[in-house]
Every structure is written in C-alpha cells, then in structure tokens.
C-alpha cells in the first residue's frame, strides 16, 4: 500500500458523555471521543475528548506534524482532552481547528476558558505550534487536496456536525452525536448523507429498552441513538460496515460483548474499540 493511497481510521477514544476508566472498560476503552483519519498525506482528527491525549503522544513520535481538527460540537466530552494535548506546546507543528457556528460558540473561546484559572494552570499563551481556528457551516463541502469532506447538521441538543470523507473511491462517515426519529421512522436526510459509505462510524449509545424508559429513565431527546436504530439506518443506506460508537458511560466490556452476541451475529458490524484501526485503502 502506497502512502499516497493510504486511507485509515484509528480510534483514540470511543466513550460518550464522560471518561469511564476502570477494570470493566479495558477492552473497549474508557476515553472520550477522538478519531484520527489519515487520507493520503493528510491527517485529520475528529474531536478532542480525553482520547486526544493518546493521539498527541503518538504524534510526538512523528514531529513536525500538520493536523486538521474537525469538531463535531463543543460539549465537554468532545473537548476535555485538549489542555493535555502536548503537541500544541511544541514549535514547528501546524494545527487547523474547524468548528461550526450552529451552537453559538466556537472552539477558540471554549479552549480559552478551559485553559485558564481557576480551571487550569496553563493558558493558551503556552502554545508554541501554529494553531489556527476556522468556522464551517453545516452543509459545507471542504476540500483538502484530493480529500473531500462533506458535512451535515445532525439532530442533537445544540446541533452536531457529521463528516463524510471521500478519498479515491472510498467513503468514511463519522456521525456522532446523533438522535434518530422515534417510532422506527428513518431519518431520510441522514440516510442520504451516509448512502453507500464503505464504513459508517455512528452513535449507538443506548439499547431500545433504555431509550424508551424500560430500563431506567427514558432517554428520548437526550441526543443519542440506539444500537438498533443505528443498524437500521446503515442497512437502509447500503453501508458496507457499521462501527457502533459513543458507548454509554456505564456500559461494561461484558455488557458490550452480550450486545455483540444478540445484535451483531451475521452482520458486518462491530463495536468500536480504543486503539482499533480501520483500513479503507
């Protein structure tokens, strides 16, 4: 496989809402959202949850680096790792961070608040890399050389940007955090956005029972999908492989294994694991 045709996704954090380290989450992982997407000579990261610290440690072995961050949204679990992203502190690196306007905020202001007293002892003044901040509008198409990234506004409190990467003849879509319509109805716009993807990385936080309130409080309106709805939308869109993502914070490894046995038998679908690498080349 040549470097120019390489198309890989690595999961540095797969958990939703809050980090969940401990003996019961070792196999699937306890860090919150961070994905690395490498397409040809371009490196992207989706979000800066606690998994971004691990991503940063890996980047320190490749210096200097040029990375484009694409923010889905600015909720705590998607930004909380940035103060511990060491490459920001190293000269010679270049980072461009895109965030949407849909929620009335921007990643610059969020980072400025995260990295300031009394919340944190080191400010953004410590950055030695070149760090640029840019806005995007959900629905924009971004072009980075041969890489095309299409965007969509997803259903989540405050809104979320979904990303569709097209490189060569392959397609990778990351769609989290996302909530489906109730009652088994398909989100038709979402189906078209993910249509024909080789790999769909999709929010699958709850079971149907949890979502509907048969196991604890109902989760309708919380902004997340069920495993069953994620698979149903993937089927409707003709997706090649579904990666179920954004694991509920109390979900143990054994409980995920049980879901694998009951939901995924005979399907080209898996639950995302921290450290997992998907090769689309």
C-alpha atoms as a PDB file:
ATOM      1  CA  UNK A   1       0.000   0.000   0.000  1.00  0.00           C
ATOM      2  CA  UNK A   2       1.460   3.347  -1.035  1.00  0.00           C
ATOM      3  CA  UNK A   3       1.433   6.331   1.269  1.00  0.00           C
ATOM      4  CA  UNK A   4      -0.439   8.419  -1.295  1.00  0.00           C
ATOM      5  CA  UNK A   5      -3.366   5.970  -1.348  1.00  0.00           C
ATOM      6  CA  UNK A   6      -3.494   5.241   2.385  1.00  0.00           C
ATOM      7  CA  UNK A   7      -6.929   5.718   3.965  1.00  0.00           C
ATOM      8  CA  UNK A   8      -7.080   4.692   7.606  1.00  0.00           C
ATOM      9  CA  UNK A   9      -9.108   5.492  10.708  1.00  0.00           C
ATOM     10  CA  UNK A  10      -7.803   4.973  14.237  1.00  0.00           C
ATOM     11  CA  UNK A  11      -9.939   5.258  17.356  1.00  0.00           C
ATOM     12  CA  UNK A  12      -8.224   7.009  20.251  1.00  0.00           C
ATOM     13  CA  UNK A  13     -11.434   7.426  22.284  1.00  0.00           C
ATOM     14  CA  UNK A  14     -14.823   5.726  21.876  1.00  0.00           C
ATOM     15  CA  UNK A  15     -16.744   6.511  25.068  1.00  0.00           C
ATOM     16  CA  UNK A  16     -19.556   9.025  25.397  1.00  0.00           C
ATOM     17  CA  UNK A  17     -20.517  11.666  27.950  1.00  0.00           C
ATOM     18  CA  UNK A  18     -17.716  11.151  30.488  1.00  0.00           C
ATOM     19  CA  UNK A  19     -14.485   9.133  30.682  1.00  0.00           C
ATOM     20  CA  UNK A  20     -15.046   5.681  32.129  1.00  0.00           C
ATOM     21  CA  UNK A  21     -11.680   4.185  33.076  1.00  0.00           C
ATOM     22  CA  UNK A  22     -11.512   1.051  35.183  1.00  0.00           C
ATOM     23  CA  UNK A  23     -11.291  -2.733  35.125  1.00  0.00           C
ATOM     24  CA  UNK A  24     -14.698  -3.102  33.448  1.00  0.00           C
ATOM     25  CA  UNK A  25     -13.883  -0.981  30.375  1.00  0.00           C
ATOM     26  CA  UNK A  26     -10.355  -2.083  29.498  1.00  0.00           C
ATOM     27  CA  UNK A  27     -11.162  -3.996  26.309  1.00  0.00           C
ATOM     28  CA  UNK A  28     -13.387  -1.420  24.604  1.00  0.00           C
ATOM     29  CA  UNK A  29     -11.866   1.654  26.219  1.00  0.00           C
ATOM     30  CA  UNK A  30     -12.842   4.450  28.576  1.00  0.00           C
ATOM     31  CA  UNK A  31     -11.589   7.587  26.812  1.00  0.00           C
ATOM     32  CA  UNK A  32     -13.993  10.037  25.206  1.00  0.00           C
ATOM     33  CA  UNK A  33     -14.171  10.905  21.535  1.00  0.00           C
ATOM     34  CA  UNK A  34     -11.096  11.265  19.359  1.00  0.00           C
ATOM     35  CA  UNK A  35     -10.587   9.714  15.917  1.00  0.00           C
ATOM     36  CA  UNK A  36      -7.582  10.025  13.642  1.00  0.00           C
ATOM     37  CA  UNK A  37      -8.268   9.897   9.906  1.00  0.00           C
ATOM     38  CA  UNK A  38      -5.318   9.608   7.518  1.00  0.00           C
ATOM     39  CA  UNK A  39      -6.062  10.062   3.822  1.00  0.00           C
ATOM     40  CA  UNK A  40      -3.021  10.170   1.583  1.00  0.00           C
ATOM     41  CA  UNK A  41      -0.665  12.778   3.022  1.00  0.00           C
ATOM     42  CA  UNK A  42      -3.423  14.471   5.071  1.00  0.00           C
ATOM     43  CA  UNK A  43      -4.038  13.840   8.765  1.00  0.00           C
ATOM     44  CA  UNK A  44      -7.316  14.763  10.430  1.00  0.00           C
ATOM     45  CA  UNK A  45      -8.666  14.399  13.927  1.00  0.00           C
ATOM     46  CA  UNK A  46     -12.321  14.356  14.837  1.00  0.00           C
ATOM     47  CA  UNK A  47     -12.829  15.982  18.264  1.00  0.00           C
ATOM     48  CA  UNK A  48     -10.598  16.420  21.278  1.00  0.00           C
ATOM     49  CA  UNK A  49     -12.026  14.251  24.048  1.00  0.00           C
ATOM     50  CA  UNK A  50      -9.697  12.538  26.505  1.00  0.00           C
ATOM     51  CA  UNK A  51      -8.527  10.220  23.719  1.00  0.00           C
ATOM     52  CA  UNK A  52      -6.702  13.174  22.169  1.00  0.00           C
ATOM     53  CA  UNK A  53      -4.027  12.877  24.857  1.00  0.00           C
ATOM     54  CA  UNK A  54      -3.111   9.434  23.478  1.00  0.00           C
ATOM     55  CA  UNK A  55      -3.223  10.785  19.934  1.00  0.00           C
ATOM     56  CA  UNK A  56      -0.868  13.576  20.992  1.00  0.00           C
ATOM     57  CA  UNK A  57       1.603  11.093  22.460  1.00  0.00           C
ATOM     58  CA  UNK A  58       1.665   9.248  19.134  1.00  0.00           C
ATOM     59  CA  UNK A  59       2.185  12.490  17.202  1.00  0.00           C
ATOM     60  CA  UNK A  60       5.259  13.323  19.303  1.00  0.00           C
ATOM     61  CA  UNK A  61       6.989  10.444  17.519  1.00  0.00           C
ATOM     62  CA  UNK A  62       6.253  11.963  14.069  1.00  0.00           C
ATOM     63  CA  UNK A  63       7.268  15.613  14.517  1.00  0.00           C
ATOM     64  CA  UNK A  64       6.762  18.031  12.911  1.00  0.00           C
ATOM     65  CA  UNK A  65       3.087  17.429  12.147  1.00  0.00           C
ATOM     66  CA  UNK A  66       0.282  19.183  10.276  1.00  0.00           C
ATOM     67  CA  UNK A  67      -3.158  18.127  11.531  1.00  0.00           C
ATOM     68  CA  UNK A  68      -6.658  19.361  10.736  1.00  0.00           C
ATOM     69  CA  UNK A  69      -9.153  19.033  13.598  1.00  0.00           C
ATOM     70  CA  UNK A  70     -12.825  18.762  12.698  1.00  0.00           C
ATOM     71  CA  UNK A  71     -15.083  19.402  15.672  1.00  0.00           C
ATOM     72  CA  UNK A  72     -18.472  17.719  15.767  1.00  0.00           C
ATOM     73  CA  UNK A  73     -19.581  20.068  18.575  1.00  0.00           C
ATOM     74  CA  UNK A  74     -18.264  21.618  21.755  1.00  0.00           C
ATOM     75  CA  UNK A  75     -19.832  19.553  24.515  1.00  0.00           C
ATOM     76  CA  UNK A  76     -17.497  18.731  27.384  1.00  0.00           C
ATOM     77  CA  UNK A  77     -16.716  15.121  26.437  1.00  0.00           C
ATOM     78  CA  UNK A  78     -15.526  16.228  22.980  1.00  0.00           C
ATOM     79  CA  UNK A  79     -13.113  18.966  24.104  1.00  0.00           C
ATOM     80  CA  UNK A  80     -11.867  17.982  27.552  1.00  0.00           C
ATOM     81  CA  UNK A  81      -8.610  16.413  26.361  1.00  0.00           C
ATOM     82  CA  UNK A  82      -7.259  19.483  24.564  1.00  0.00           C
ATOM     83  CA  UNK A  83      -5.470  21.003  27.592  1.00  0.00           C
ATOM     84  CA  UNK A  84      -3.392  17.792  27.727  1.00  0.00           C
ATOM     85  CA  UNK A  85      -2.561  17.688  24.000  1.00  0.00           C
ATOM     86  CA  UNK A  86       1.214  18.111  24.252  1.00  0.00           C
ATOM     87  CA  UNK A  87       1.932  18.807  20.533  1.00  0.00           C
ATOM     88  CA  UNK A  88       0.330  22.249  20.958  1.00  0.00           C
ATOM     89  CA  UNK A  89       3.335  23.128  23.120  1.00  0.00           C
ATOM     90  CA  UNK A  90       5.974  22.084  20.567  1.00  0.00           C
ATOM     91  CA  UNK A  91       7.267  24.552  17.940  1.00  0.00           C
ATOM     92  CA  UNK A  92       7.204  23.580  14.270  1.00  0.00           C
ATOM     93  CA  UNK A  93       3.777  21.921  14.269  1.00  0.00           C
ATOM     94  CA  UNK A  94       0.719  23.261  12.476  1.00  0.00           C
ATOM     95  CA  UNK A  95      -2.889  22.724  13.528  1.00  0.00           C
ATOM     96  CA  UNK A  96      -6.092  24.000  11.961  1.00  0.00           C
ATOM     97  CA  UNK A  97      -9.254  23.552  14.042  1.00  0.00           C
ATOM     98  CA  UNK A  98     -12.667  23.795  12.387  1.00  0.00           C
ATOM     99  CA  UNK A  99     -15.881  24.204  14.367  1.00  0.00           C
ATOM    100  CA  UNK A 100     -19.445  25.034  13.373  1.00  0.00           C
ATOM    101  CA  UNK A 101     -21.470  28.121  14.183  1.00  0.00           C
ATOM    102  CA  UNK A 102     -24.651  26.192  14.965  1.00  0.00           C
ATOM    103  CA  UNK A 103     -24.378  26.260  18.763  1.00  0.00           C
ATOM    104  CA  UNK A 104     -23.404  29.901  19.204  1.00  0.00           C
ATOM    105  CA  UNK A 105     -19.896  29.082  20.343  1.00  0.00           C
ATOM    106  CA  UNK A 106     -16.504  28.387  18.855  1.00  0.00           C
ATOM    107  CA  UNK A 107     -13.585  26.203  19.815  1.00  0.00           C
ATOM    108  CA  UNK A 108     -11.260  29.170  20.426  1.00  0.00           C
ATOM    109  CA  UNK A 109     -13.486  30.572  23.177  1.00  0.00           C
ATOM    110  CA  UNK A 110     -14.016  27.127  24.681  1.00  0.00           C
ATOM    111  CA  UNK A 111     -10.287  26.405  24.816  1.00  0.00           C
ATOM    112  CA  UNK A 112      -9.594  29.826  26.249  1.00  0.00           C
ATOM    113  CA  UNK A 113     -11.976  29.061  29.111  1.00  0.00           C
ATOM    114  CA  UNK A 114     -10.698  25.516  29.604  1.00  0.00           C
ATOM    115  CA  UNK A 115      -7.090  26.649  29.743  1.00  0.00           C
ATOM    116  CA  UNK A 116      -7.414  29.439  32.280  1.00  0.00           C
ATOM    117  CA  UNK A 117      -7.520  29.868  36.039  1.00  0.00           C
ATOM    118  CA  UNK A 118      -9.242  28.609  38.091  1.00  0.00           C
ATOM    119  CA  UNK A 119      -9.963  25.631  35.827  1.00  0.00           C
ATOM    120  CA  UNK A 120      -6.403  25.007  34.538  1.00  0.00           C
ATOM    121  CA  UNK A 121      -2.937  26.365  35.362  1.00  0.00           C
ATOM    122  CA  UNK A 122      -1.592  26.701  31.795  1.00  0.00           C
ATOM    123  CA  UNK A 123      -3.128  29.123  29.305  1.00  0.00           C
ATOM    124  CA  UNK A 124      -3.181  29.061  25.521  1.00  0.00           C
ATOM    125  CA  UNK A 125      -0.246  31.502  25.656  1.00  0.00           C
ATOM    126  CA  UNK A 126       1.905  28.395  26.164  1.00  0.00           C
ATOM    127  CA  UNK A 127       1.154  27.147  22.647  1.00  0.00           C
ATOM    128  CA  UNK A 128       4.315  27.072  20.527  1.00  0.00           C
ATOM    129  CA  UNK A 129       2.782  25.442  17.469  1.00  0.00           C
ATOM    130  CA  UNK A 130       0.902  27.383  14.816  1.00  0.00           C
ATOM    131  CA  UNK A 131      -2.766  26.940  15.739  1.00  0.00           C
ATOM    132  CA  UNK A 132      -5.486  28.406  13.501  1.00  0.00           C
ATOM    133  CA  UNK A 133      -9.221  28.450  14.189  1.00  0.00           C
ATOM    134  CA  UNK A 134     -11.818  28.403  11.418  1.00  0.00           C
ATOM    135  CA  UNK A 135     -15.594  28.277  11.163  1.00  0.00           C
ATOM    136  CA  UNK A 136     -17.635  25.998   8.966  1.00  0.00           C
ATOM    137  CA  UNK A 137     -21.343  25.916   8.234  1.00  0.00           C
ATOM    138  CA  UNK A 138     -23.046  22.543   8.490  1.00  0.00           C
ATOM    139  CA  UNK A 139     -23.757  21.584   4.883  1.00  0.00           C
ATOM    140  CA  UNK A 140     -20.418  22.928   3.626  1.00  0.00           C
ATOM    141  CA  UNK A 141     -18.142  20.799   1.487  1.00  0.00           C
ATOM    142  CA  UNK A 142     -14.475  21.115   2.451  1.00  0.00           C
ATOM    143  CA  UNK A 143     -11.627  20.191   0.121  1.00  0.00           C
ATOM    144  CA  UNK A 144      -8.134  19.270   1.236  1.00  0.00           C
ATOM    145  CA  UNK A 145      -6.237  18.323  -1.903  1.00  0.00           C
ATOM    146  CA  UNK A 146      -7.702  15.004  -3.060  1.00  0.00           C
ATOM    147  CA  UNK A 147      -9.776  14.627   0.121  1.00  0.00           C
ATOM    148  CA  UNK A 148     -13.383  15.817   0.034  1.00  0.00           C
ATOM    149  CA  UNK A 149     -15.191  16.243   3.361  1.00  0.00           C
ATOM    150  CA  UNK A 150     -18.938  16.789   3.246  1.00  0.00           C
ATOM    151  CA  UNK A 151     -20.839  17.937   6.318  1.00  0.00           C
ATOM    152  CA  UNK A 152     -24.354  17.694   7.705  1.00  0.00           C
ATOM    153  CA  UNK A 153     -26.118  19.137  10.742  1.00  0.00           C
ATOM    154  CA  UNK A 154     -27.245  16.220  12.917  1.00  0.00           C
ATOM    155  CA  UNK A 155     -30.053  16.016  15.470  1.00  0.00           C
ATOM    156  CA  UNK A 156     -28.530  16.705  18.906  1.00  0.00           C
ATOM    157  CA  UNK A 157     -29.153  19.399  21.550  1.00  0.00           C
ATOM    158  CA  UNK A 158     -27.328  22.438  20.182  1.00  0.00           C
ATOM    159  CA  UNK A 159     -26.582  20.648  16.916  1.00  0.00           C
ATOM    160  CA  UNK A 160     -23.696  18.473  15.770  1.00  0.00           C
ATOM    161  CA  UNK A 161     -21.715  18.294  12.528  1.00  0.00           C
ATOM    162  CA  UNK A 162     -21.438  14.912  10.833  1.00  0.00           C
ATOM    163  CA  UNK A 163     -18.478  14.319   8.490  1.00  0.00           C
ATOM    164  CA  UNK A 164     -18.338  12.311   5.272  1.00  0.00           C
ATOM    165  CA  UNK A 165     -14.792  11.712   3.970  1.00  0.00           C
ATOM    166  CA  UNK A 166     -14.424  10.821   0.290  1.00  0.00           C
ATOM    167  CA  UNK A 167     -10.978   9.782  -0.871  1.00  0.00           C
ATOM    168  CA  UNK A 168     -10.279   7.816  -4.013  1.00  0.00           C
ATOM    169  CA  UNK A 169     -13.260   5.531  -4.432  1.00  0.00           C
ATOM    170  CA  UNK A 170     -13.811   5.018  -0.684  1.00  0.00           C
ATOM    171  CA  UNK A 171     -16.111   6.738   1.808  1.00  0.00           C
ATOM    172  CA  UNK A 172     -15.898   7.004   5.598  1.00  0.00           C
ATOM    173  CA  UNK A 173     -18.628   8.710   7.622  1.00  0.00           C
ATOM    174  CA  UNK A 174     -18.493   9.708  11.271  1.00  0.00           C
ATOM    175  CA  UNK A 175     -21.888  10.613  12.733  1.00  0.00           C
ATOM    176  CA  UNK A 176     -21.933  11.193  16.456  1.00  0.00           C
ATOM    177  CA  UNK A 177     -23.700  12.557  18.452  1.00  0.00           C
ATOM    178  CA  UNK A 178     -26.971  11.852  16.616  1.00  0.00           C
ATOM    179  CA  UNK A 179     -30.532  11.000  17.623  1.00  0.00           C
ATOM    180  CA  UNK A 180     -32.915   9.204  15.261  1.00  0.00           C
ATOM    181  CA  UNK A 181     -36.647   9.848  14.866  1.00  0.00           C
ATOM    182  CA  UNK A 182     -38.920   7.975  17.253  1.00  0.00           C
ATOM    183  CA  UNK A 183     -41.126   5.033  16.378  1.00  0.00           C
ATOM    184  CA  UNK A 184     -38.851   3.255  13.926  1.00  0.00           C
ATOM    185  CA  UNK A 185     -39.077   6.069  11.377  1.00  0.00           C
ATOM    186  CA  UNK A 186     -35.975   6.626   9.260  1.00  0.00           C
ATOM    187  CA  UNK A 187     -34.139   9.940   9.183  1.00  0.00           C
ATOM    188  CA  UNK A 188     -34.232  10.247   5.385  1.00  0.00           C
ATOM    189  CA  UNK A 189     -31.727  13.099   5.152  1.00  0.00           C
ATOM    190  CA  UNK A 190     -29.305  11.140   7.329  1.00  0.00           C
ATOM    191  CA  UNK A 191     -29.749   8.025   5.187  1.00  0.00           C
ATOM    192  CA  UNK A 192     -28.802  10.030   2.105  1.00  0.00           C
ATOM    193  CA  UNK A 193     -25.779  11.528   3.863  1.00  0.00           C
ATOM    194  CA  UNK A 194     -24.396   8.092   4.753  1.00  0.00           C
ATOM    195  CA  UNK A 195     -25.558   6.468   1.498  1.00  0.00           C
ATOM    196  CA  UNK A 196     -23.069   3.918   0.149  1.00  0.00           C
ATOM    197  CA  UNK A 197     -20.391   4.553   2.774  1.00  0.00           C
ATOM    198  CA  UNK A 198     -17.787   1.833   2.997  1.00  0.00           C
ATOM    199  CA  UNK A 199     -17.575   2.433   6.751  1.00  0.00           C
ATOM    200  CA  UNK A 200     -20.070   4.246   8.983  1.00  0.00           C
ATOM    201  CA  UNK A 201     -18.941   5.241  12.481  1.00  0.00           C
ATOM    202  CA  UNK A 202     -22.214   6.041  14.192  1.00  0.00           C
ATOM    203  CA  UNK A 203     -23.672   6.980  17.552  1.00  0.00           C
ATOM    204  CA  UNK A 204     -25.115   3.895  19.240  1.00  0.00           C
ATOM    205  CA  UNK A 205     -25.324   4.848  22.894  1.00  0.00           C
ATOM    206  CA  UNK A 206     -28.454   3.105  24.140  1.00  0.00           C
ATOM    207  CA  UNK A 207     -30.435  -0.083  23.822  1.00  0.00           C
ATOM    208  CA  UNK A 208     -34.022   0.268  22.661  1.00  0.00           C
ATOM    209  CA  UNK A 209     -35.154  -0.571  26.205  1.00  0.00           C
ATOM    210  CA  UNK A 210     -33.032   2.201  27.696  1.00  0.00           C
ATOM    211  CA  UNK A 211     -34.153   4.724  25.107  1.00  0.00           C
ATOM    212  CA  UNK A 212     -37.821   4.002  25.729  1.00  0.00           C
ATOM    213  CA  UNK A 213     -37.556   4.006  29.535  1.00  0.00           C
ATOM    214  CA  UNK A 214     -37.951   0.280  30.144  1.00  0.00           C
ATOM    215  CA  UNK A 215     -34.561   0.291  31.885  1.00  0.00           C
ATOM    216  CA  UNK A 216     -34.268   3.495  33.907  1.00  0.00           C
ATOM    217  CA  UNK A 217     -35.395   6.944  32.765  1.00  0.00           C
ATOM    218  CA  UNK A 218     -36.409   7.381  29.108  1.00  0.00           C
ATOM    219  CA  UNK A 219     -33.590   8.838  27.017  1.00  0.00           C
ATOM    220  CA  UNK A 220     -35.684  10.387  24.272  1.00  0.00           C
ATOM    221  CA  UNK A 221     -34.455  13.887  23.493  1.00  0.00           C
ATOM    222  CA  UNK A 222     -31.024  13.293  25.002  1.00  0.00           C
ATOM    223  CA  UNK A 223     -29.408  13.442  21.569  1.00  0.00           C
ATOM    224  CA  UNK A 224     -28.206   9.872  21.089  1.00  0.00           C
ATOM    225  CA  UNK A 225     -29.188   6.800  19.089  1.00  0.00           C
ATOM    226  CA  UNK A 226     -29.921   3.206  19.922  1.00  0.00           C
ATOM    227  CA  UNK A 227     -27.871   0.322  18.606  1.00  0.00           C
ATOM    228  CA  UNK A 228     -30.910  -0.968  16.741  1.00  0.00           C
ATOM    229  CA  UNK A 229     -31.636   2.391  15.060  1.00  0.00           C
ATOM    230  CA  UNK A 230     -28.007   2.821  14.028  1.00  0.00           C
ATOM    231  CA  UNK A 231     -28.012  -0.587  12.346  1.00  0.00           C
ATOM    232  CA  UNK A 232     -31.389   0.087  10.719  1.00  0.00           C
ATOM    233  CA  UNK A 233     -30.140   3.316   9.147  1.00  0.00           C
ATOM    234  CA  UNK A 234     -26.942   1.645   7.992  1.00  0.00           C
ATOM    235  CA  UNK A 235     -28.979  -1.071   6.289  1.00  0.00           C
ATOM    236  CA  UNK A 236     -31.234   1.477   4.597  1.00  0.00           C
ATOM    237  CA  UNK A 237     -28.229   3.354   3.227  1.00  0.00           C
ATOM    238  CA  UNK A 238     -26.391   0.307   1.924  1.00  0.00           C
ATOM    239  CA  UNK A 239     -23.416   0.869   4.218  1.00  0.00           C
ATOM    240  CA  UNK A 240     -20.609  -1.662   3.919  1.00  0.00           C
ATOM    241  CA  UNK A 241     -19.542  -1.835   7.578  1.00  0.00           C
ATOM    242  CA  UNK A 242     -21.057  -0.236  10.685  1.00  0.00           C
ATOM    243  CA  UNK A 243     -18.955   0.717  13.700  1.00  0.00           C
ATOM    244  CA  UNK A 244     -21.130   1.348  16.748  1.00  0.00           C
ATOM    245  CA  UNK A 245     -19.663   4.264  18.679  1.00  0.00           C
ATOM    246  CA  UNK A 246     -20.095   6.596  21.699  1.00  0.00           C
ATOM    247  CA  UNK A 247     -20.589   3.837  24.260  1.00  0.00           C
ATOM    248  CA  UNK A 248     -22.763   4.735  27.239  1.00  0.00           C
ATOM    249  CA  UNK A 249     -20.520   5.557  30.190  1.00  0.00           C
ATOM    250  CA  UNK A 250     -21.741   2.731  32.450  1.00  0.00           C
ATOM    251  CA  UNK A 251     -21.603   0.047  29.734  1.00  0.00           C
ATOM    252  CA  UNK A 252     -19.072  -2.619  30.712  1.00  0.00           C
ATOM    253  CA  UNK A 253     -16.965  -4.748  28.392  1.00  0.00           C
ATOM    254  CA  UNK A 254     -19.040  -7.824  29.268  1.00  0.00           C
ATOM    255  CA  UNK A 255     -22.273  -5.965  28.553  1.00  0.00           C
ATOM    256  CA  UNK A 256     -20.960  -4.894  25.146  1.00  0.00           C
ATOM    257  CA  UNK A 257     -19.963  -8.496  24.449  1.00  0.00           C
ATOM    258  CA  UNK A 258     -23.545  -9.528  25.232  1.00  0.00           C
ATOM    259  CA  UNK A 259     -24.817  -6.917  22.747  1.00  0.00           C
ATOM    260  CA  UNK A 260     -22.416  -8.249  20.123  1.00  0.00           C
ATOM    261  CA  UNK A 261     -23.916 -11.712  20.554  1.00  0.00           C
ATOM    262  CA  UNK A 262     -27.543 -10.553  20.462  1.00  0.00           C
ATOM    263  CA  UNK A 263     -27.358  -7.786  17.833  1.00  0.00           C
ATOM    264  CA  UNK A 264     -24.408  -8.337  15.521  1.00  0.00           C
ATOM    265  CA  UNK A 265     -24.412 -12.050  14.691  1.00  0.00           C
ATOM    266  CA  UNK A 266     -24.264 -12.382  10.922  1.00  0.00           C
ATOM    267  CA  UNK A 267     -23.773  -8.634  10.416  1.00  0.00           C
ATOM    268  CA  UNK A 268     -20.783  -6.702   9.108  1.00  0.00           C
ATOM    269  CA  UNK A 269     -20.828  -4.525  12.211  1.00  0.00           C
ATOM    270  CA  UNK A 270     -18.682  -4.147  15.326  1.00  0.00           C
ATOM    271  CA  UNK A 271     -18.471  -2.040  18.443  1.00  0.00           C
ATOM    272  CA  UNK A 272     -15.614   0.458  18.167  1.00  0.00           C
ATOM    273  CA  UNK A 273     -12.644  -0.236  20.443  1.00  0.00           C
ATOM    274  CA  UNK A 274      -9.993   2.164  21.634  1.00  0.00           C
ATOM    275  CA  UNK A 275      -6.883   1.530  19.508  1.00  0.00           C
ATOM    276  CA  UNK A 276      -8.849  -0.052  16.656  1.00  0.00           C
ATOM    277  CA  UNK A 277      -7.563   0.717  13.154  1.00  0.00           C
ATOM    278  CA  UNK A 278      -9.822   0.503  10.104  1.00  0.00           C
ATOM    279  CA  UNK A 279      -8.093   0.366   6.716  1.00  0.00           C
ATOM    280  CA  UNK A 280     -10.163   1.584   3.774  1.00  0.00           C
ATOM    281  CA  UNK A 281      -7.266   1.644   1.308  1.00  0.00           C
END
